[in-house]
Every structure is written in C-alpha cells, then in structure tokens.
Amino acid sequence: MRSFPADLAQAQQEWSATYRQLAERPGRTELRRRLHRLSTQLFFHPYWQQRRPSPTAWWELRHLGRPSDRGVG
C-alpha cells in the first residue's frame, strides 16, 4: 500500500467519520457542509498535482479512513 501525506490521510479519516455521523443523523446541515469541505480538500490536495489519482489510489486512501479492525477476532 502506498504512503500518503499525513494531512491527506487525516482528511480522509475525518471525511469517513463525518460520513458515518451523517448516515446516523441525516439532514444535519453542519455535517453536510463539513463533508463537502473535506471532499474538496481531498480532491484538490497538492499530492494529486504530482500524479493523477487512479481508482486504486482512491481505494487505498479511503481504506485509511475506515475504522481499524485491530482487536477483533
């Protein structure tokens, strides 16, 4: 798995957490605005200026935002 800049990975983790909160409480304007702001931050991050994002890169980045499976099993 490739390594992403720390701020890009953090933004993805925040995006995922916000998305989960919005799923639990739909219609929350502040959550929709935060999700939009984070989406913009992710899509236009300087990291993508150096390389074109592939579907695999997006998947790997999104995987960083998922809750950890540690401790399960």
PDB file of N, CA and C in Angstrom:
ATOM      1  N   MET A   1       0.859  -1.184   0.000  1.00  0.00           N
ATOM      2  CA  MET A   1       0.000   0.000   0.000  1.00  0.00           C
ATOM      3  C   MET A   1       0.896   1.236   0.000  1.00  0.00           C
ATOM      4  N   ARG A   2       0.532   2.208  -0.794  1.00  0.00           N
ATOM      5  CA  ARG A   2       1.333   3.422  -0.901  1.00  0.00           C
ATOM      6  C   ARG A   2       1.179   4.273   0.360  1.00  0.00           C
ATOM      7  N   SER A   3       2.122   5.155   0.563  1.00  0.00           N
ATOM      8  CA  SER A   3       2.010   6.075   1.696  1.00  0.00           C
ATOM      9  C   SER A   3       1.504   7.418   1.177  1.00  0.00           C
ATOM     10  N   PHE A   4       0.638   8.019   1.944  1.00  0.00           N
ATOM     11  CA  PHE A   4       0.053   9.307   1.608  1.00  0.00           C
ATOM     12  C   PHE A   4       0.549  10.341   2.603  1.00  0.00           C
ATOM     13  N   PRO A   5       0.563  11.607   2.218  1.00  0.00           N
ATOM     14  CA  PRO A   5       0.930  12.652   3.183  1.00  0.00           C
ATOM     15  C   PRO A   5       0.008  12.587   4.403  1.00  0.00           C
ATOM     16  N   ALA A   6       0.553  12.918   5.544  1.00  0.00           N
ATOM     17  CA  ALA A   6      -0.202  12.815   6.795  1.00  0.00           C
ATOM     18  C   ALA A   6      -1.479  13.652   6.772  1.00  0.00           C
ATOM     19  N   ASP A   7      -1.417  14.858   6.204  1.00  0.00           N
ATOM     20  CA  ASP A   7      -2.610  15.710   6.201  1.00  0.00           C
ATOM     21  C   ASP A   7      -3.692  15.158   5.263  1.00  0.00           C
ATOM     22  N   LEU A   8      -3.287  14.493   4.193  1.00  0.00           N
ATOM     23  CA  LEU A   8      -4.255  13.876   3.286  1.00  0.00           C
ATOM     24  C   LEU A   8      -4.921  12.678   3.958  1.00  0.00           C
ATOM     25  N   ALA A   9      -4.123  11.856   4.633  1.00  0.00           N
ATOM     26  CA  ALA A   9      -4.672  10.713   5.354  1.00  0.00           C
ATOM     27  C   ALA A   9      -5.612  11.168   6.474  1.00  0.00           C
ATOM     28  N   GLN A  10      -5.224  12.227   7.184  1.00  0.00           N
ATOM     29  CA  GLN A  10      -6.064  12.763   8.264  1.00  0.00           C
ATOM     30  C   GLN A  10      -7.390  13.282   7.717  1.00  0.00           C
ATOM     31  N   ALA A  11      -7.334  13.972   6.587  1.00  0.00           N
ATOM     32  CA  ALA A  11      -8.562  14.490   5.975  1.00  0.00           C
ATOM     33  C   ALA A  11      -9.478  13.339   5.569  1.00  0.00           C
ATOM     34  N   GLN A  12      -8.904  12.251   5.074  1.00  0.00           N
ATOM     35  CA  GLN A  12      -9.718  11.098   4.699  1.00  0.00           C
ATOM     36  C   GLN A  12     -10.361  10.468   5.924  1.00  0.00           C
ATOM     37  N   GLN A  13      -9.619  10.369   7.008  1.00  0.00           N
ATOM     38  CA  GLN A  13     -10.180   9.808   8.236  1.00  0.00           C
ATOM     39  C   GLN A  13     -11.319  10.687   8.755  1.00  0.00           C
ATOM     40  N   GLU A  14     -11.142  11.989   8.696  1.00  0.00           N
ATOM     41  CA  GLU A  14     -12.200  12.904   9.125  1.00  0.00           C
ATOM     42  C   GLU A  14     -13.411  12.802   8.195  1.00  0.00           C
ATOM     43  N   TRP A  15     -13.166  12.657   6.899  1.00  0.00           N
ATOM     44  CA  TRP A  15     -14.255  12.504   5.923  1.00  0.00           C
ATOM     45  C   TRP A  15     -15.077  11.264   6.249  1.00  0.00           C
ATOM     46  N   SER A  16     -14.386  10.157   6.504  1.00  0.00           N
ATOM     47  CA  SER A  16     -15.091   8.900   6.805  1.00  0.00           C
ATOM     48  C   SER A  16     -15.907   9.009   8.092  1.00  0.00           C
ATOM     49  N   ALA A  17     -15.326   9.624   9.109  1.00  0.00           N
ATOM     50  CA  ALA A  17     -16.039   9.791  10.376  1.00  0.00           C
ATOM     51  C   ALA A  17     -17.264  10.692  10.191  1.00  0.00           C
ATOM     52  N   THR A  18     -17.103  11.755   9.435  1.00  0.00           N
ATOM     53  CA  THR A  18     -18.223  12.668   9.175  1.00  0.00           C
ATOM     54  C   THR A  18     -19.313  11.968   8.373  1.00  0.00           C
ATOM     55  N   TYR A  19     -18.917  11.168   7.406  1.00  0.00           N
ATOM     56  CA  TYR A  19     -19.880  10.425   6.586  1.00  0.00           C
ATOM     57  C   TYR A  19     -20.697   9.467   7.461  1.00  0.00           C
ATOM     58  N   ARG A  20     -20.017   8.778   8.380  1.00  0.00           N
ATOM     59  CA  ARG A  20     -20.728   7.863   9.291  1.00  0.00           C
ATOM     60  C   ARG A  20     -21.699   8.637  10.190  1.00  0.00           C
ATOM     61  N   GLN A  21     -21.275   9.796  10.680  1.00  0.00           N
ATOM     62  CA  GLN A  21     -22.154  10.614  11.522  1.00  0.00           C
ATOM     63  C   GLN A  21     -23.369  11.076  10.734  1.00  0.00           C
ATOM     64  N   LEU A  22     -23.164  11.462   9.493  1.00  0.00           N
ATOM     65  CA  LEU A  22     -24.270  11.916   8.657  1.00  0.00           C
ATOM     66  C   LEU A  22     -25.235  10.772   8.352  1.00  0.00           C
ATOM     67  N   ALA A  23     -24.704   9.568   8.203  1.00  0.00           N
ATOM     68  CA  ALA A  23     -25.568   8.412   7.969  1.00  0.00           C
ATOM     69  C   ALA A  23     -26.455   8.138   9.186  1.00  0.00           C
ATOM     70  N   GLU A  24     -25.918   8.393  10.371  1.00  0.00           N
ATOM     71  CA  GLU A  24     -26.677   8.178  11.601  1.00  0.00           C
ATOM     72  C   GLU A  24     -27.684   9.293  11.856  1.00  0.00           C
ATOM     73  N   ARG A  25     -27.350  10.504  11.402  1.00  0.00           N
ATOM     74  CA  ARG A  25     -28.203  11.674  11.625  1.00  0.00           C
ATOM     75  C   ARG A  25     -28.379  12.441  10.313  1.00  0.00           C
ATOM     76  N   PRO A  26     -29.134  11.879   9.371  1.00  0.00           N
ATOM     77  CA  PRO A  26     -29.287  12.555   8.073  1.00  0.00           C
ATOM     78  C   PRO A  26     -29.949  13.923   8.214  1.00  0.00           C
ATOM     79  N   GLY A  27     -29.624  14.769   7.260  1.00  0.00           N
ATOM     80  CA  GLY A  27     -30.238  16.088   7.248  1.00  0.00           C
ATOM     81  C   GLY A  27     -29.506  17.131   8.065  1.00  0.00           C
ATOM     82  N   ARG A  28     -28.408  16.762   8.686  1.00  0.00           N
ATOM     83  CA  ARG A  28     -27.657  17.717   9.506  1.00  0.00           C
ATOM     84  C   ARG A  28     -26.824  18.620   8.607  1.00  0.00           C
ATOM     85  N   THR A  29     -27.214  19.877   8.506  1.00  0.00           N
ATOM     86  CA  THR A  29     -26.558  20.817   7.603  1.00  0.00           C
ATOM     87  C   THR A  29     -25.072  20.964   7.908  1.00  0.00           C
ATOM     88  N   GLU A  30     -24.712  21.050   9.181  1.00  0.00           N
ATOM     89  CA  GLU A  30     -23.303  21.251   9.517  1.00  0.00           C
ATOM     90  C   GLU A  30     -22.451  20.056   9.085  1.00  0.00           C
ATOM     91  N   LEU A  31     -23.022  18.846   9.162  1.00  0.00           N
ATOM     92  CA  LEU A  31     -22.282  17.657   8.721  1.00  0.00           C
ATOM     93  C   LEU A  31     -22.145  17.622   7.197  1.00  0.00           C
ATOM     94  N   ARG A  32     -23.202  18.008   6.496  1.00  0.00           N
ATOM     95  CA  ARG A  32     -23.127  18.057   5.028  1.00  0.00           C
ATOM     96  C   ARG A  32     -22.099  19.078   4.574  1.00  0.00           C
ATOM     97  N   ARG A  33     -22.049  20.215   5.229  1.00  0.00           N
ATOM     98  CA  ARG A  33     -21.058  21.245   4.885  1.00  0.00           C
ATOM     99  C   ARG A  33     -19.644  20.761   5.164  1.00  0.00           C
ATOM    100  N   ARG A  34     -19.466  20.109   6.299  1.00  0.00           N
ATOM    101  CA  ARG A  34     -18.135  19.574   6.639  1.00  0.00           C
ATOM    102  C   ARG A  34     -17.718  18.520   5.627  1.00  0.00           C
ATOM    103  N   LEU A  35     -18.641  17.656   5.240  1.00  0.00           N
ATOM    104  CA  LEU A  35     -18.337  16.618   4.267  1.00  0.00           C
ATOM    105  C   LEU A  35     -17.939  17.242   2.924  1.00  0.00           C
ATOM    106  N   HIS A  36     -18.653  18.277   2.521  1.00  0.00           N
ATOM    107  CA  HIS A  36     -18.317  18.968   1.277  1.00  0.00           C
ATOM    108  C   HIS A  36     -16.938  19.615   1.358  1.00  0.00           C
ATOM    109  N   ARG A  37     -16.648  20.274   2.473  1.00  0.00           N
ATOM    110  CA  ARG A  37     -15.348  20.928   2.658  1.00  0.00           C
ATOM    111  C   ARG A  37     -14.212  19.899   2.639  1.00  0.00           C
ATOM    112  N   LEU A  38     -14.416  18.772   3.318  1.00  0.00           N
ATOM    113  CA  LEU A  38     -13.391  17.725   3.337  1.00  0.00           C
ATOM    114  C   LEU A  38     -13.229  17.079   1.961  1.00  0.00           C
ATOM    115  N   SER A  39     -14.333  16.897   1.245  1.00  0.00           N
ATOM    116  CA  SER A  39     -14.257  16.327  -0.104  1.00  0.00           C
ATOM    117  C   SER A  39     -13.411  17.211  -1.012  1.00  0.00           C
ATOM    118  N   THR A  40     -13.606  18.512  -0.909  1.00  0.00           N
ATOM    119  CA  THR A  40     -12.830  19.463  -1.701  1.00  0.00           C
ATOM    120  C   THR A  40     -11.359  19.404  -1.315  1.00  0.00           C
ATOM    121  N   GLN A  41     -11.105  19.334  -0.021  1.00  0.00           N
ATOM    122  CA  GLN A  41      -9.731  19.257   0.475  1.00  0.00           C
ATOM    123  C   GLN A  41      -9.044  17.992  -0.049  1.00  0.00           C
ATOM    124  N   LEU A  42      -9.759  16.882  -0.062  1.00  0.00           N
ATOM    125  CA  LEU A  42      -9.190  15.627  -0.548  1.00  0.00           C
ATOM    126  C   LEU A  42      -8.939  15.674  -2.053  1.00  0.00           C
ATOM    127  N   PHE A  43      -9.921  16.123  -2.804  1.00  0.00           N
ATOM    128  CA  PHE A  43      -9.836  16.084  -4.260  1.00  0.00           C
ATOM    129  C   PHE A  43      -8.768  17.033  -4.804  1.00  0.00           C
ATOM    130  N   PHE A  44      -8.629  18.206  -4.181  1.00  0.00           N
ATOM    131  CA  PHE A  44      -7.692  19.208  -4.684  1.00  0.00           C
ATOM    132  C   PHE A  44      -6.387  19.276  -3.891  1.00  0.00           C
ATOM    133  N   HIS A  45      -6.086  18.243  -3.140  1.00  0.00           N
ATOM    134  CA  HIS A  45      -4.854  18.211  -2.357  1.00  0.00           C
ATOM    135  C   HIS A  45      -3.642  18.259  -3.293  1.00  0.00           C
ATOM    136  N   PRO A  46      -2.580  18.979  -2.903  1.00  0.00           N
ATOM    137  CA  PRO A  46      -1.391  19.076  -3.752  1.00  0.00           C
ATOM    138  C   PRO A  46      -0.779  17.718  -4.129  1.00  0.00           C
ATOM    139  N   TYR A  47      -0.991  16.705  -3.321  1.00  0.00           N
ATOM    140  CA  TYR A  47      -0.472  15.364  -3.631  1.00  0.00           C
ATOM    141  C   TYR A  47      -0.925  14.904  -5.008  1.00  0.00           C
ATOM    142  N   TRP A  48      -2.153  15.235  -5.385  1.00  0.00           N
ATOM    143  CA  TRP A  48      -2.688  14.782  -6.671  1.00  0.00           C
ATOM    144  C   TRP A  48      -2.158  15.617  -7.835  1.00  0.00           C
ATOM    145  N   GLN A  49      -1.497  16.735  -7.580  1.00  0.00           N
ATOM    146  CA  GLN A  49      -0.905  17.523  -8.658  1.00  0.00           C
ATOM    147  C   GLN A  49       0.302  16.813  -9.258  1.00  0.00           C
ATOM    148  N   GLN A  50       0.965  16.010  -8.459  1.00  0.00           N
ATOM    149  CA  GLN A  50       2.156  15.297  -8.914  1.00  0.00           C
ATOM    150  C   GLN A  50       1.802  14.027  -9.677  1.00  0.00           C
ATOM    151  N   ARG A  51       0.675  13.465  -9.380  1.00  0.00           N
ATOM    152  CA  ARG A  51       0.265  12.217 -10.030  1.00  0.00           C
ATOM    153  C   ARG A  51      -1.244  12.204 -10.166  1.00  0.00           C
ATOM    154  N   ARG A  52      -1.704  11.640 -11.214  1.00  0.00           N
ATOM    155  CA  ARG A  52      -3.143  11.544 -11.444  1.00  0.00           C
ATOM    156  C   ARG A  52      -3.713  10.428 -10.558  1.00  0.00           C
ATOM    157  N   PRO A  53      -4.776  10.707  -9.814  1.00  0.00           N
ATOM    158  CA  PRO A  53      -5.308   9.663  -8.923  1.00  0.00           C
ATOM    159  C   PRO A  53      -5.964   8.541  -9.720  1.00  0.00           C
ATOM    160  N   SER A  54      -5.544   7.338  -9.430  1.00  0.00           N
ATOM    161  CA  SER A  54      -6.142   6.161 -10.054  1.00  0.00           C
ATOM    162  C   SER A  54      -7.241   5.633  -9.141  1.00  0.00           C
ATOM    163  N   PRO A  55      -8.117   4.794  -9.666  1.00  0.00           N
ATOM    164  CA  PRO A  55      -9.122   4.177  -8.786  1.00  0.00           C
ATOM    165  C   PRO A  55      -8.479   3.423  -7.626  1.00  0.00           C
ATOM    166  N   THR A  56      -7.343   2.793  -7.877  1.00  0.00           N
ATOM    167  CA  THR A  56      -6.649   2.066  -6.808  1.00  0.00           C
ATOM    168  C   THR A  56      -6.146   3.023  -5.735  1.00  0.00           C
ATOM    169  N   ALA A  57      -5.618   4.156  -6.145  1.00  0.00           N
ATOM    170  CA  ALA A  57      -5.132   5.145  -5.167  1.00  0.00           C
ATOM    171  C   ALA A  57      -6.279   5.656  -4.307  1.00  0.00           C
ATOM    172  N   TRP A  58      -7.434   5.931  -4.932  1.00  0.00           N
ATOM    173  CA  TRP A  58      -8.603   6.389  -4.160  1.00  0.00           C
ATOM    174  C   TRP A  58      -9.039   5.305  -3.176  1.00  0.00           C
ATOM    175  N   TRP A  59      -9.025   4.050  -3.617  1.00  0.00           N
ATOM    176  CA  TRP A  59      -9.433   2.953  -2.739  1.00  0.00           C
ATOM    177  C   TRP A  59      -8.485   2.864  -1.550  1.00  0.00           C
ATOM    178  N   GLU A  60      -7.185   2.949  -1.817  1.00  0.00           N
ATOM    179  CA  GLU A  60      -6.205   2.865  -0.731  1.00  0.00           C
ATOM    180  C   GLU A  60      -6.386   4.020   0.258  1.00  0.00           C
ATOM    181  N   LEU A  61      -6.631   5.212  -0.276  1.00  0.00           N
ATOM    182  CA  LEU A  61      -6.849   6.357   0.601  1.00  0.00           C
ATOM    183  C   LEU A  61      -8.121   6.170   1.424  1.00  0.00           C
ATOM    184  N   ARG A  62      -9.192   5.729   0.783  1.00  0.00           N
ATOM    185  CA  ARG A  62     -10.441   5.514   1.518  1.00  0.00           C
ATOM    186  C   ARG A  62     -10.279   4.440   2.582  1.00  0.00           C
ATOM    187  N   HIS A  63      -9.465   3.434   2.311  1.00  0.00           N
ATOM    188  CA  HIS A  63      -9.216   2.364   3.278  1.00  0.00           C
ATOM    189  C   HIS A  63      -8.597   2.924   4.559  1.00  0.00           C
ATOM    190  N   LEU A  64      -7.794   3.974   4.431  1.00  0.00           N
ATOM    191  CA  LEU A  64      -7.198   4.606   5.612  1.00  0.00           C
ATOM    192  C   LEU A  64      -8.246   5.214   6.529  1.00  0.00           C
ATOM    193  N   GLY A  65      -9.372   5.596   5.965  1.00  0.00           N
ATOM    194  CA  GLY A  65     -10.412   6.250   6.754  1.00  0.00           C
ATOM    195  C   GLY A  65     -11.354   5.305   7.458  1.00  0.00           C
ATOM    196  N   ARG A  66     -11.235   4.033   7.170  1.00  0.00           N
ATOM    197  CA  ARG A  66     -12.144   3.062   7.797  1.00  0.00           C
ATOM    198  C   ARG A  66     -11.704   2.761   9.213  1.00  0.00           C
ATOM    199  N   PRO A  67     -12.664   2.415  10.063  1.00  0.00           N
ATOM    200  CA  PRO A  67     -12.301   2.057  11.446  1.00  0.00           C
ATOM    201  C   PRO A  67     -11.361   0.860  11.456  1.00  0.00           C
ATOM    202  N   SER A  68     -10.456   0.855  12.374  1.00  0.00           N
ATOM    203  CA  SER A  68      -9.472  -0.210  12.476  1.00  0.00           C
ATOM    204  C   SER A  68     -10.130  -1.521  12.903  1.00  0.00           C
ATOM    205  N   ASP A  69      -9.628  -2.622  12.352  1.00  0.00           N
ATOM    206  CA  ASP A  69     -10.133  -3.939  12.719  1.00  0.00           C
ATOM    207  C   ASP A  69      -9.294  -4.554  13.833  1.00  0.00           C
ATOM    208  N   ARG A  70      -8.343  -3.796  14.357  1.00  0.00           N
ATOM    209  CA  ARG A  70      -7.499  -4.333  15.420  1.00  0.00           C
ATOM    210  C   ARG A  70      -8.342  -4.693  16.642  1.00  0.00           C
ATOM    211  N   GLY A  71      -7.962  -5.790  17.251  1.00  0.00           N
ATOM    212  CA  GLY A  71      -8.671  -6.205  18.448  1.00  0.00           C
ATOM    213  C   GLY A  71      -9.902  -7.050  18.156  1.00  0.00           C
ATOM    214  N   VAL A  72     -10.196  -7.271  16.893  1.00  0.00           N
ATOM    215  CA  VAL A  72     -11.340  -8.094  16.519  1.00  0.00           C
ATOM    216  C   VAL A  72     -10.810  -9.448  16.102  1.00  0.00           C
ATOM    217  N   GLY A  73     -11.458 -10.484  16.570  1.00  0.00           N
ATOM    218  CA  GLY A  73     -11.017 -11.800  16.102  1.00  0.00           C
ATOM    219  C   GLY A  73     -11.062 -12.730  17.174  1.00  0.00           C
TER     220      GLY A  73
END
